[in-house]
Amino acid sequence: DRVERELGPLDILVNVAGILRVGPVLELSDDDWERTFAVNTRGVVNVSRAVARRMTGRASGAIVTVGSNAARTPRVHMAAYAASKAATTMFTKCLGLELARYNIRCNVVSPGSTDTPMQRALWADGRGARAVIAGSPEAFKLGIPLNRIAETEDVAAAVLFLASDQARHITMHDLCVDGGATLGA
């Protein structure tokens, strides 16, 4: 109520929050699993439901969730993150199916490796970006065919498109913005 009183009706929701805890499945702490799902999944569910309740009364709106290409492709030491993003992706698609009758579109933008503080924290040194672009067969991680790390502007452009009227006939879609890293999977 307060948000809409102060800012006006919410026509667009973009779910962007995310955390990454890495480690082997059997060694990642219960707290890391809980925190990952609390932010990456439950946060999206709670905010989306609250905003969607408002949007249904107006019979219009767009919800875009920033997921991850890790939701489509297994990653070594990233099970909690990948599983949380897979749950978030499916939730957003199911929400889109249920809200379509209210003219509310729900889509996902799934970035791959993007130049953010979270990504840079994974790099051991200044060669981190090169290593990500090249891939790592021993970690079952493909490289990036377009030969560069995404910039936040690449992801933002996809979000803006899906939130805009240009995407008025697109819902339940998962737009992967990963430079080809998942080979279109």
N, C-alpha and C. Protein backbone atom coordinates (compact mmCIF):
# COMPACT_ATOMS: atom_id res chain seq x y z
N ASP A 1 0.82 -1.20 0.00
CA ASP A 1 0.00 0.00 0.00
C ASP A 1 0.87 1.26 0.00
N ARG A 2 1.82 1.30 0.93
CA ARG A 2 2.64 2.50 1.08
C ARG A 2 3.41 2.82 -0.19
N VAL A 3 3.99 1.80 -0.81
CA VAL A 3 4.78 2.03 -2.02
C VAL A 3 3.92 2.66 -3.10
N GLU A 4 2.73 2.11 -3.33
CA GLU A 4 1.87 2.66 -4.37
C GLU A 4 1.31 4.03 -3.99
N ARG A 5 1.10 4.28 -2.72
CA ARG A 5 0.66 5.62 -2.30
C ARG A 5 1.74 6.66 -2.61
N GLU A 6 2.99 6.29 -2.37
CA GLU A 6 4.09 7.23 -2.57
C GLU A 6 4.55 7.33 -4.02
N LEU A 7 4.52 6.22 -4.75
CA LEU A 7 5.07 6.20 -6.10
C LEU A 7 4.02 6.07 -7.20
N GLY A 8 2.83 5.69 -6.84
CA GLY A 8 1.82 5.43 -7.85
C GLY A 8 1.76 3.95 -8.16
N PRO A 9 0.85 3.55 -9.04
CA PRO A 9 0.67 2.14 -9.36
C PRO A 9 1.96 1.51 -9.92
N LEU A 10 2.22 0.30 -9.49
CA LEU A 10 3.36 -0.45 -10.02
C LEU A 10 2.93 -1.17 -11.29
N ASP A 11 3.49 -0.75 -12.40
CA ASP A 11 3.19 -1.38 -13.68
C ASP A 11 4.23 -2.42 -14.05
N ILE A 12 5.43 -2.26 -13.50
CA ILE A 12 6.56 -3.14 -13.84
C ILE A 12 7.27 -3.53 -12.55
N LEU A 13 7.57 -4.82 -12.45
CA LEU A 13 8.40 -5.33 -11.35
C LEU A 13 9.60 -6.02 -11.97
N VAL A 14 10.78 -5.68 -11.51
CA VAL A 14 12.00 -6.38 -11.93
C VAL A 14 12.64 -6.96 -10.68
N ASN A 15 12.69 -8.29 -10.62
CA ASN A 15 13.33 -9.00 -9.51
C ASN A 15 14.80 -9.19 -9.86
N VAL A 16 15.70 -8.55 -9.10
CA VAL A 16 17.12 -8.59 -9.45
C VAL A 16 18.00 -9.16 -8.34
N ALA A 17 17.53 -9.23 -7.13
CA ALA A 17 18.40 -9.65 -6.02
C ALA A 17 18.92 -11.06 -6.23
N GLY A 18 20.14 -11.28 -5.81
CA GLY A 18 20.70 -12.63 -5.89
C GLY A 18 21.99 -12.74 -5.10
N ILE A 19 22.22 -13.92 -4.54
CA ILE A 19 23.49 -14.21 -3.88
C ILE A 19 24.04 -15.51 -4.41
N LEU A 20 25.33 -15.69 -4.26
CA LEU A 20 26.01 -16.89 -4.76
C LEU A 20 26.87 -17.46 -3.65
N ARG A 21 26.61 -18.70 -3.29
CA ARG A 21 27.46 -19.44 -2.36
C ARG A 21 27.98 -20.64 -3.14
N VAL A 22 29.29 -20.76 -3.25
CA VAL A 22 29.88 -21.85 -4.03
C VAL A 22 30.53 -22.87 -3.11
N GLY A 23 30.51 -24.10 -3.57
CA GLY A 23 31.16 -25.19 -2.84
C GLY A 23 30.54 -26.51 -3.25
N PRO A 24 31.23 -27.61 -2.97
CA PRO A 24 30.68 -28.93 -3.28
C PRO A 24 29.35 -29.15 -2.57
N VAL A 25 28.45 -29.87 -3.21
CA VAL A 25 27.12 -30.13 -2.66
C VAL A 25 27.20 -30.66 -1.23
N LEU A 26 28.09 -31.60 -1.00
CA LEU A 26 28.17 -32.23 0.31
C LEU A 26 28.89 -31.40 1.36
N GLU A 27 29.54 -30.34 0.94
CA GLU A 27 30.29 -29.51 1.88
C GLU A 27 29.68 -28.14 2.13
N LEU A 28 28.81 -27.69 1.25
CA LEU A 28 28.17 -26.38 1.45
C LEU A 28 27.31 -26.45 2.71
N SER A 29 27.40 -25.47 3.56
CA SER A 29 26.69 -25.51 4.84
C SER A 29 25.18 -25.39 4.65
N ASP A 30 24.45 -25.88 5.63
CA ASP A 30 22.99 -25.74 5.60
C ASP A 30 22.61 -24.26 5.54
N ASP A 31 23.35 -23.42 6.25
CA ASP A 31 23.08 -21.98 6.24
C ASP A 31 23.27 -21.40 4.84
N ASP A 32 24.31 -21.83 4.12
CA ASP A 32 24.51 -21.35 2.75
C ASP A 32 23.34 -21.75 1.85
N TRP A 33 22.86 -22.98 2.00
CA TRP A 33 21.71 -23.43 1.22
C TRP A 33 20.48 -22.58 1.57
N GLU A 34 20.23 -22.40 2.86
CA GLU A 34 19.06 -21.63 3.30
C GLU A 34 19.12 -20.18 2.81
N ARG A 35 20.25 -19.55 2.97
CA ARG A 35 20.39 -18.14 2.56
C ARG A 35 20.23 -18.00 1.04
N THR A 36 20.80 -18.94 0.29
CA THR A 36 20.69 -18.89 -1.16
C THR A 36 19.23 -18.95 -1.60
N PHE A 37 18.48 -19.90 -1.05
CA PHE A 37 17.07 -20.01 -1.42
C PHE A 37 16.23 -18.87 -0.85
N ALA A 38 16.60 -18.36 0.32
CA ALA A 38 15.85 -17.25 0.91
C ALA A 38 15.90 -16.02 0.01
N VAL A 39 17.08 -15.70 -0.50
CA VAL A 39 17.22 -14.51 -1.36
C VAL A 39 16.78 -14.80 -2.78
N ASN A 40 17.35 -15.84 -3.38
CA ASN A 40 17.16 -16.08 -4.82
C ASN A 40 15.78 -16.60 -5.17
N THR A 41 15.14 -17.32 -4.27
CA THR A 41 13.85 -17.91 -4.59
C THR A 41 12.72 -17.29 -3.77
N ARG A 42 12.80 -17.41 -2.47
CA ARG A 42 11.69 -16.89 -1.65
C ARG A 42 11.52 -15.39 -1.80
N GLY A 43 12.59 -14.66 -1.96
CA GLY A 43 12.48 -13.22 -2.17
C GLY A 43 11.68 -12.90 -3.42
N VAL A 44 11.98 -13.61 -4.50
CA VAL A 44 11.25 -13.41 -5.77
C VAL A 44 9.78 -13.80 -5.61
N VAL A 45 9.53 -14.93 -4.96
CA VAL A 45 8.16 -15.39 -4.77
C VAL A 45 7.36 -14.37 -3.96
N ASN A 46 7.92 -13.94 -2.85
CA ASN A 46 7.19 -13.02 -1.97
C ASN A 46 6.90 -11.67 -2.63
N VAL A 47 7.91 -11.08 -3.24
CA VAL A 47 7.71 -9.77 -3.88
C VAL A 47 6.79 -9.89 -5.08
N SER A 48 6.98 -10.92 -5.90
CA SER A 48 6.14 -11.10 -7.09
C SER A 48 4.67 -11.27 -6.71
N ARG A 49 4.40 -12.07 -5.71
CA ARG A 49 3.01 -12.28 -5.28
C ARG A 49 2.38 -10.98 -4.78
N ALA A 50 3.13 -10.23 -3.99
CA ALA A 50 2.59 -8.98 -3.45
C ALA A 50 2.28 -7.99 -4.56
N VAL A 51 3.19 -7.84 -5.50
CA VAL A 51 2.98 -6.89 -6.60
C VAL A 51 1.91 -7.41 -7.56
N ALA A 52 1.90 -8.70 -7.84
CA ALA A 52 0.91 -9.27 -8.76
C ALA A 52 -0.51 -9.07 -8.24
N ARG A 53 -0.68 -9.14 -6.94
CA ARG A 53 -2.02 -8.90 -6.38
C ARG A 53 -2.52 -7.50 -6.76
N ARG A 54 -1.63 -6.53 -6.78
CA ARG A 54 -2.00 -5.16 -7.18
C ARG A 54 -2.25 -5.08 -8.68
N MET A 55 -1.39 -5.74 -9.45
CA MET A 55 -1.51 -5.69 -10.91
C MET A 55 -2.79 -6.32 -11.40
N THR A 56 -3.25 -7.41 -10.76
CA THR A 56 -4.45 -8.09 -11.24
C THR A 56 -5.67 -7.16 -11.21
N GLY A 57 -5.74 -6.30 -10.22
CA GLY A 57 -6.86 -5.35 -10.14
C GLY A 57 -6.88 -4.36 -11.28
N ARG A 58 -5.72 -4.10 -11.85
CA ARG A 58 -5.62 -3.16 -12.98
C ARG A 58 -5.59 -3.88 -14.32
N ALA A 59 -5.50 -5.21 -14.28
CA ALA A 59 -5.46 -6.05 -15.48
C ALA A 59 -4.35 -5.63 -16.44
N SER A 60 -3.18 -5.33 -15.88
CA SER A 60 -2.02 -5.08 -16.73
C SER A 60 -0.77 -5.08 -15.86
N GLY A 61 0.36 -5.32 -16.53
CA GLY A 61 1.64 -5.26 -15.84
C GLY A 61 2.65 -6.18 -16.47
N ALA A 62 3.88 -6.02 -16.03
CA ALA A 62 4.98 -6.87 -16.51
C ALA A 62 5.89 -7.17 -15.32
N ILE A 63 6.22 -8.45 -15.20
CA ILE A 63 7.16 -8.90 -14.17
C ILE A 63 8.32 -9.55 -14.89
N VAL A 64 9.52 -9.07 -14.61
CA VAL A 64 10.73 -9.65 -15.20
C VAL A 64 11.64 -10.07 -14.05
N THR A 65 12.03 -11.32 -14.06
CA THR A 65 12.92 -11.86 -13.04
C THR A 65 14.27 -12.12 -13.66
N VAL A 66 15.32 -11.63 -13.02
CA VAL A 66 16.67 -11.94 -13.48
C VAL A 66 17.06 -13.27 -12.84
N GLY A 67 17.20 -14.27 -13.70
CA GLY A 67 17.58 -15.61 -13.26
C GLY A 67 19.06 -15.84 -13.50
N SER A 68 19.37 -16.95 -14.13
CA SER A 68 20.76 -17.28 -14.46
C SER A 68 20.78 -18.42 -15.46
N ASN A 69 21.79 -18.40 -16.34
CA ASN A 69 21.93 -19.53 -17.24
C ASN A 69 22.33 -20.79 -16.48
N ALA A 70 22.76 -20.65 -15.22
CA ALA A 70 23.07 -21.81 -14.39
C ALA A 70 21.82 -22.63 -14.09
N ALA A 71 20.64 -22.06 -14.29
CA ALA A 71 19.40 -22.80 -14.09
C ALA A 71 19.19 -23.85 -15.17
N ARG A 72 19.90 -23.73 -16.30
CA ARG A 72 19.73 -24.66 -17.42
C ARG A 72 20.88 -25.63 -17.58
N THR A 73 22.02 -25.30 -17.03
CA THR A 73 23.23 -26.09 -17.26
C THR A 73 23.91 -26.37 -15.93
N PRO A 74 24.12 -27.64 -15.58
CA PRO A 74 24.78 -27.95 -14.31
C PRO A 74 26.16 -27.31 -14.23
N ARG A 75 26.51 -26.88 -13.03
CA ARG A 75 27.81 -26.27 -12.78
C ARG A 75 28.43 -26.93 -11.54
N VAL A 76 29.70 -27.24 -11.61
CA VAL A 76 30.41 -27.78 -10.46
C VAL A 76 30.47 -26.71 -9.37
N HIS A 77 30.18 -27.09 -8.15
CA HIS A 77 30.24 -26.22 -6.97
C HIS A 77 29.19 -25.11 -6.98
N MET A 78 28.17 -25.24 -7.82
CA MET A 78 27.14 -24.19 -7.89
C MET A 78 25.73 -24.76 -7.73
N ALA A 79 25.59 -25.91 -7.07
CA ALA A 79 24.28 -26.57 -6.98
C ALA A 79 23.23 -25.71 -6.29
N ALA A 80 23.58 -25.08 -5.18
CA ALA A 80 22.59 -24.27 -4.46
C ALA A 80 22.12 -23.11 -5.32
N TYR A 81 23.07 -22.42 -5.93
CA TYR A 81 22.74 -21.28 -6.78
C TYR A 81 21.90 -21.73 -7.98
N ALA A 82 22.37 -22.76 -8.67
CA ALA A 82 21.67 -23.24 -9.87
C ALA A 82 20.26 -23.71 -9.53
N ALA A 83 20.12 -24.46 -8.45
CA ALA A 83 18.80 -24.96 -8.06
C ALA A 83 17.87 -23.81 -7.66
N SER A 84 18.40 -22.81 -6.96
CA SER A 84 17.56 -21.68 -6.56
C SER A 84 17.11 -20.89 -7.78
N LYS A 85 17.98 -20.74 -8.76
CA LYS A 85 17.61 -19.99 -9.96
C LYS A 85 16.66 -20.81 -10.85
N ALA A 86 16.82 -22.14 -10.86
CA ALA A 86 15.89 -22.98 -11.61
C ALA A 86 14.49 -22.89 -11.00
N ALA A 87 14.42 -22.90 -9.68
CA ALA A 87 13.12 -22.76 -9.01
C ALA A 87 12.50 -21.40 -9.32
N THR A 88 13.32 -20.37 -9.31
CA THR A 88 12.84 -19.02 -9.59
C THR A 88 12.33 -18.90 -11.02
N THR A 89 13.05 -19.51 -11.95
CA THR A 89 12.64 -19.49 -13.35
C THR A 89 11.29 -20.18 -13.53
N MET A 90 11.13 -21.36 -12.96
CA MET A 90 9.87 -22.08 -13.11
C MET A 90 8.73 -21.36 -12.39
N PHE A 91 9.01 -20.80 -11.22
CA PHE A 91 7.98 -20.01 -10.53
C PHE A 91 7.49 -18.87 -11.42
N THR A 92 8.41 -18.15 -12.04
CA THR A 92 8.05 -17.00 -12.87
C THR A 92 7.22 -17.45 -14.07
N LYS A 93 7.56 -18.58 -14.66
CA LYS A 93 6.78 -19.10 -15.79
C LYS A 93 5.37 -19.52 -15.34
N CYS A 94 5.28 -20.21 -14.20
CA CYS A 94 3.97 -20.60 -13.68
C CYS A 94 3.13 -19.37 -13.34
N LEU A 95 3.76 -18.38 -12.74
CA LEU A 95 3.07 -17.13 -12.43
C LEU A 95 2.56 -16.49 -13.72
N GLY A 96 3.38 -16.52 -14.76
CA GLY A 96 2.98 -15.97 -16.05
C GLY A 96 1.76 -16.67 -16.62
N LEU A 97 1.70 -17.98 -16.46
CA LEU A 97 0.55 -18.74 -16.95
C LEU A 97 -0.71 -18.34 -16.18
N GLU A 98 -0.59 -18.21 -14.88
CA GLU A 98 -1.75 -17.86 -14.06
C GLU A 98 -2.19 -16.41 -14.25
N LEU A 99 -1.26 -15.53 -14.54
CA LEU A 99 -1.60 -14.11 -14.65
C LEU A 99 -1.90 -13.65 -16.07
N ALA A 100 -1.72 -14.52 -17.05
CA ALA A 100 -1.96 -14.14 -18.45
C ALA A 100 -3.39 -13.64 -18.65
N ARG A 101 -4.34 -14.23 -17.97
CA ARG A 101 -5.74 -13.81 -18.13
C ARG A 101 -5.98 -12.39 -17.63
N TYR A 102 -5.03 -11.86 -16.84
CA TYR A 102 -5.10 -10.48 -16.36
C TYR A 102 -4.23 -9.54 -17.20
N ASN A 103 -3.73 -10.04 -18.31
CA ASN A 103 -2.87 -9.24 -19.19
C ASN A 103 -1.57 -8.83 -18.48
N ILE A 104 -1.08 -9.72 -17.62
CA ILE A 104 0.19 -9.50 -16.93
C ILE A 104 1.20 -10.49 -17.49
N ARG A 105 2.29 -9.94 -18.00
CA ARG A 105 3.34 -10.76 -18.60
C ARG A 105 4.43 -11.03 -17.58
N CYS A 106 4.90 -12.27 -17.53
CA CYS A 106 5.97 -12.65 -16.60
C CYS A 106 7.06 -13.36 -17.39
N ASN A 107 8.25 -12.80 -17.38
CA ASN A 107 9.37 -13.34 -18.14
C ASN A 107 10.63 -13.38 -17.29
N VAL A 108 11.62 -14.09 -17.81
CA VAL A 108 12.90 -14.26 -17.13
C VAL A 108 14.01 -13.82 -18.07
N VAL A 109 15.00 -13.13 -17.55
CA VAL A 109 16.25 -12.86 -18.26
C VAL A 109 17.31 -13.65 -17.52
N SER A 110 17.98 -14.56 -18.23
CA SER A 110 18.98 -15.43 -17.62
C SER A 110 20.37 -15.09 -18.11
N PRO A 111 21.07 -14.23 -17.37
CA PRO A 111 22.43 -13.88 -17.78
C PRO A 111 23.39 -15.03 -17.53
N GLY A 112 24.46 -15.01 -18.29
CA GLY A 112 25.61 -15.85 -17.99
C GLY A 112 26.58 -15.01 -17.19
N SER A 113 27.83 -15.30 -17.31
CA SER A 113 28.86 -14.54 -16.58
C SER A 113 28.79 -13.08 -16.98
N THR A 114 28.59 -12.23 -15.98
CA THR A 114 28.43 -10.79 -16.19
C THR A 114 29.40 -10.06 -15.27
N ASP A 115 29.98 -9.00 -15.77
CA ASP A 115 30.97 -8.26 -15.00
C ASP A 115 30.30 -7.51 -13.84
N THR A 116 30.20 -8.20 -12.72
CA THR A 116 29.62 -7.64 -11.50
C THR A 116 30.55 -7.96 -10.34
N PRO A 117 30.37 -7.31 -9.21
CA PRO A 117 31.18 -7.67 -8.04
C PRO A 117 31.05 -9.14 -7.66
N MET A 118 29.85 -9.72 -7.81
CA MET A 118 29.66 -11.13 -7.48
C MET A 118 30.52 -12.01 -8.39
N GLN A 119 30.57 -11.69 -9.67
CA GLN A 119 31.39 -12.45 -10.62
C GLN A 119 32.87 -12.26 -10.32
N ARG A 120 33.28 -11.03 -10.11
CA ARG A 120 34.71 -10.75 -9.87
C ARG A 120 35.21 -11.42 -8.60
N ALA A 121 34.34 -11.62 -7.63
CA ALA A 121 34.74 -12.28 -6.38
C ALA A 121 35.16 -13.73 -6.62
N LEU A 122 34.73 -14.30 -7.73
CA LEU A 122 35.09 -15.68 -8.06
C LEU A 122 36.45 -15.78 -8.72
N TRP A 123 36.98 -14.67 -9.17
CA TRP A 123 38.24 -14.69 -9.91
C TRP A 123 39.43 -14.60 -8.96
N ALA A 124 40.38 -15.48 -9.16
CA ALA A 124 41.57 -15.51 -8.30
C ALA A 124 42.52 -14.36 -8.61
N ASP A 125 42.52 -13.91 -9.87
CA ASP A 125 43.45 -12.85 -10.26
C ASP A 125 42.89 -12.11 -11.47
N GLY A 126 43.70 -11.26 -12.06
CA GLY A 126 43.29 -10.44 -13.20
C GLY A 126 42.99 -11.24 -14.46
N ARG A 127 43.31 -12.52 -14.45
CA ARG A 127 43.03 -13.36 -15.62
C ARG A 127 41.68 -14.07 -15.51
N GLY A 128 40.91 -13.72 -14.49
CA GLY A 128 39.64 -14.40 -14.26
C GLY A 128 38.68 -14.34 -15.43
N ALA A 129 38.54 -13.18 -16.03
CA ALA A 129 37.63 -13.04 -17.17
C ALA A 129 38.07 -13.93 -18.32
N ARG A 130 39.36 -13.95 -18.61
CA ARG A 130 39.88 -14.80 -19.69
C ARG A 130 39.56 -16.27 -19.43
N ALA A 131 39.73 -16.69 -18.17
CA ALA A 131 39.47 -18.09 -17.82
C ALA A 131 37.99 -18.43 -18.01
N VAL A 132 37.10 -17.52 -17.65
CA VAL A 132 35.67 -17.76 -17.83
C VAL A 132 35.34 -17.84 -19.31
N ILE A 133 35.89 -16.95 -20.09
CA ILE A 133 35.64 -16.94 -21.53
C ILE A 133 36.14 -18.23 -22.18
N ALA A 134 37.28 -18.72 -21.73
CA ALA A 134 37.87 -19.94 -22.30
C ALA A 134 37.11 -21.19 -21.87
N GLY A 135 36.49 -21.18 -20.69
CA GLY A 135 35.80 -22.35 -20.19
C GLY A 135 36.74 -23.23 -19.38
N SER A 136 36.18 -24.30 -18.83
CA SER A 136 36.95 -25.19 -17.98
C SER A 136 36.41 -26.61 -18.11
N PRO A 137 37.00 -27.42 -19.00
CA PRO A 137 36.50 -28.79 -19.21
C PRO A 137 36.45 -29.61 -17.92
N GLU A 138 37.44 -29.44 -17.03
CA GLU A 138 37.43 -30.22 -15.79
C GLU A 138 36.28 -29.83 -14.86
N ALA A 139 35.76 -28.64 -15.02
CA ALA A 139 34.61 -28.20 -14.23
C ALA A 139 33.31 -28.33 -15.03
N PHE A 140 33.39 -28.96 -16.21
CA PHE A 140 32.24 -29.13 -17.09
C PHE A 140 31.60 -27.79 -17.42
N LYS A 141 32.43 -26.79 -17.62
CA LYS A 141 31.93 -25.45 -17.92
C LYS A 141 32.39 -25.03 -19.31
N LEU A 142 31.42 -24.74 -20.14
CA LEU A 142 31.72 -24.27 -21.49
C LEU A 142 32.27 -22.86 -21.43
N GLY A 143 32.93 -22.47 -22.47
CA GLY A 143 33.39 -21.09 -22.58
C GLY A 143 32.28 -20.20 -23.09
N ILE A 144 32.64 -19.03 -23.56
CA ILE A 144 31.66 -18.08 -24.08
C ILE A 144 31.98 -17.85 -25.56
N PRO A 145 31.17 -18.42 -26.47
CA PRO A 145 31.44 -18.30 -27.89
C PRO A 145 31.59 -16.86 -28.40
N LEU A 146 30.86 -15.90 -27.84
CA LEU A 146 30.99 -14.52 -28.30
C LEU A 146 32.25 -13.85 -27.76
N ASN A 147 33.01 -14.58 -26.97
CA ASN A 147 34.36 -14.19 -26.57
C ASN A 147 34.44 -12.95 -25.69
N ARG A 148 33.41 -12.74 -24.85
CA ARG A 148 33.49 -11.64 -23.89
C ARG A 148 32.52 -11.89 -22.75
N ILE A 149 32.85 -11.31 -21.60
CA ILE A 149 31.96 -11.33 -20.45
C ILE A 149 30.87 -10.29 -20.70
N ALA A 150 29.65 -10.62 -20.32
CA ALA A 150 28.56 -9.65 -20.47
C ALA A 150 28.78 -8.46 -19.55
N GLU A 151 28.25 -7.34 -19.97
CA GLU A 151 28.24 -6.15 -19.13
C GLU A 151 26.82 -6.00 -18.58
N THR A 152 26.70 -5.32 -17.48
CA THR A 152 25.37 -5.15 -16.88
C THR A 152 24.39 -4.50 -17.86
N GLU A 153 24.90 -3.66 -18.75
CA GLU A 153 24.04 -3.02 -19.75
C GLU A 153 23.41 -4.04 -20.70
N ASP A 154 24.11 -5.15 -20.97
CA ASP A 154 23.55 -6.20 -21.82
C ASP A 154 22.32 -6.81 -21.17
N VAL A 155 22.43 -7.07 -19.88
CA VAL A 155 21.32 -7.65 -19.13
C VAL A 155 20.19 -6.63 -18.99
N ALA A 156 20.53 -5.40 -18.68
CA ALA A 156 19.52 -4.34 -18.53
C ALA A 156 18.73 -4.14 -19.82
N ALA A 157 19.38 -4.21 -20.96
CA ALA A 157 18.68 -4.04 -22.24
C ALA A 157 17.64 -5.14 -22.44
N ALA A 158 17.98 -6.36 -22.07
CA ALA A 158 17.03 -7.46 -22.19
C ALA A 158 15.86 -7.27 -21.24
N VAL A 159 16.14 -6.84 -20.02
CA VAL A 159 15.08 -6.58 -19.04
C VAL A 159 14.16 -5.46 -19.54
N LEU A 160 14.75 -4.38 -20.01
CA LEU A 160 13.94 -3.25 -20.52
C LEU A 160 13.06 -3.67 -21.68
N PHE A 161 13.59 -4.50 -22.57
CA PHE A 161 12.79 -4.97 -23.70
C PHE A 161 11.59 -5.78 -23.19
N LEU A 162 11.84 -6.75 -22.32
CA LEU A 162 10.75 -7.60 -21.85
C LEU A 162 9.73 -6.83 -21.00
N ALA A 163 10.15 -5.76 -20.36
CA ALA A 163 9.23 -4.94 -19.57
C ALA A 163 8.44 -3.96 -20.44
N SER A 164 8.90 -3.75 -21.66
CA SER A 164 8.29 -2.73 -22.53
C SER A 164 7.10 -3.26 -23.31
N ASP A 165 6.38 -2.33 -23.93
CA ASP A 165 5.26 -2.70 -24.80
C ASP A 165 5.73 -3.40 -26.07
N GLN A 166 7.00 -3.29 -26.40
CA GLN A 166 7.52 -4.01 -27.57
C GLN A 166 7.42 -5.52 -27.36
N ALA A 167 7.35 -5.95 -26.11
CA ALA A 167 7.24 -7.37 -25.79
C ALA A 167 5.82 -7.73 -25.35
N ARG A 168 4.85 -6.99 -25.83
CA ARG A 168 3.48 -7.14 -25.36
C ARG A 168 2.87 -8.52 -25.62
N HIS A 169 3.46 -9.29 -26.51
CA HIS A 169 2.94 -10.63 -26.80
C HIS A 169 3.93 -11.71 -26.36
N ILE A 170 4.77 -11.38 -25.41
CA ILE A 170 5.76 -12.34 -24.89
C ILE A 170 5.50 -12.54 -23.41
N THR A 171 5.26 -13.77 -23.02
CA THR A 171 5.14 -14.12 -21.61
C THR A 171 5.65 -15.54 -21.41
N MET A 172 6.07 -15.83 -20.19
CA MET A 172 6.62 -17.14 -19.82
C MET A 172 7.89 -17.47 -20.60
N HIS A 173 8.59 -16.46 -21.05
CA HIS A 173 9.81 -16.67 -21.83
C HIS A 173 11.04 -16.52 -20.94
N ASP A 174 12.07 -17.29 -21.27
CA ASP A 174 13.35 -17.20 -20.57
C ASP A 174 14.40 -16.80 -21.60
N LEU A 175 14.77 -15.53 -21.57
CA LEU A 175 15.73 -14.98 -22.52
C LEU A 175 17.14 -15.11 -21.95
N CYS A 176 17.93 -15.95 -22.58
CA CYS A 176 19.29 -16.21 -22.10
C CYS A 176 20.24 -15.18 -22.71
N VAL A 177 20.96 -14.47 -21.86
CA VAL A 177 21.90 -13.43 -22.28
C VAL A 177 23.28 -13.86 -21.80
N ASP A 178 23.85 -14.84 -22.51
CA ASP A 178 25.11 -15.43 -22.02
C ASP A 178 26.19 -15.58 -23.08
N GLY A 179 26.04 -14.90 -24.20
CA GLY A 179 27.06 -14.96 -25.24
C GLY A 179 27.21 -16.34 -25.85
N GLY A 180 26.20 -17.18 -25.68
CA GLY A 180 26.23 -18.53 -26.24
C GLY A 180 26.81 -19.58 -25.30
N ALA A 181 27.06 -19.24 -24.05
CA ALA A 181 27.73 -20.17 -23.12
C ALA A 181 26.94 -21.45 -22.87
N THR A 182 25.63 -21.41 -22.98
CA THR A 182 24.85 -22.63 -22.78
C THR A 182 24.49 -23.30 -24.10
N LEU A 183 25.08 -22.81 -25.17
CA LEU A 183 24.86 -23.37 -26.52
C LEU A 183 23.38 -23.43 -26.87
N GLY A 184 22.64 -22.43 -26.41
CA GLY A 184 21.22 -22.35 -26.74
C GLY A 184 20.34 -23.32 -25.97
N ALA A 185 20.87 -23.97 -24.94
CA ALA A 185 20.08 -24.94 -24.17
C ALA A 185 18.96 -24.26 -23.42
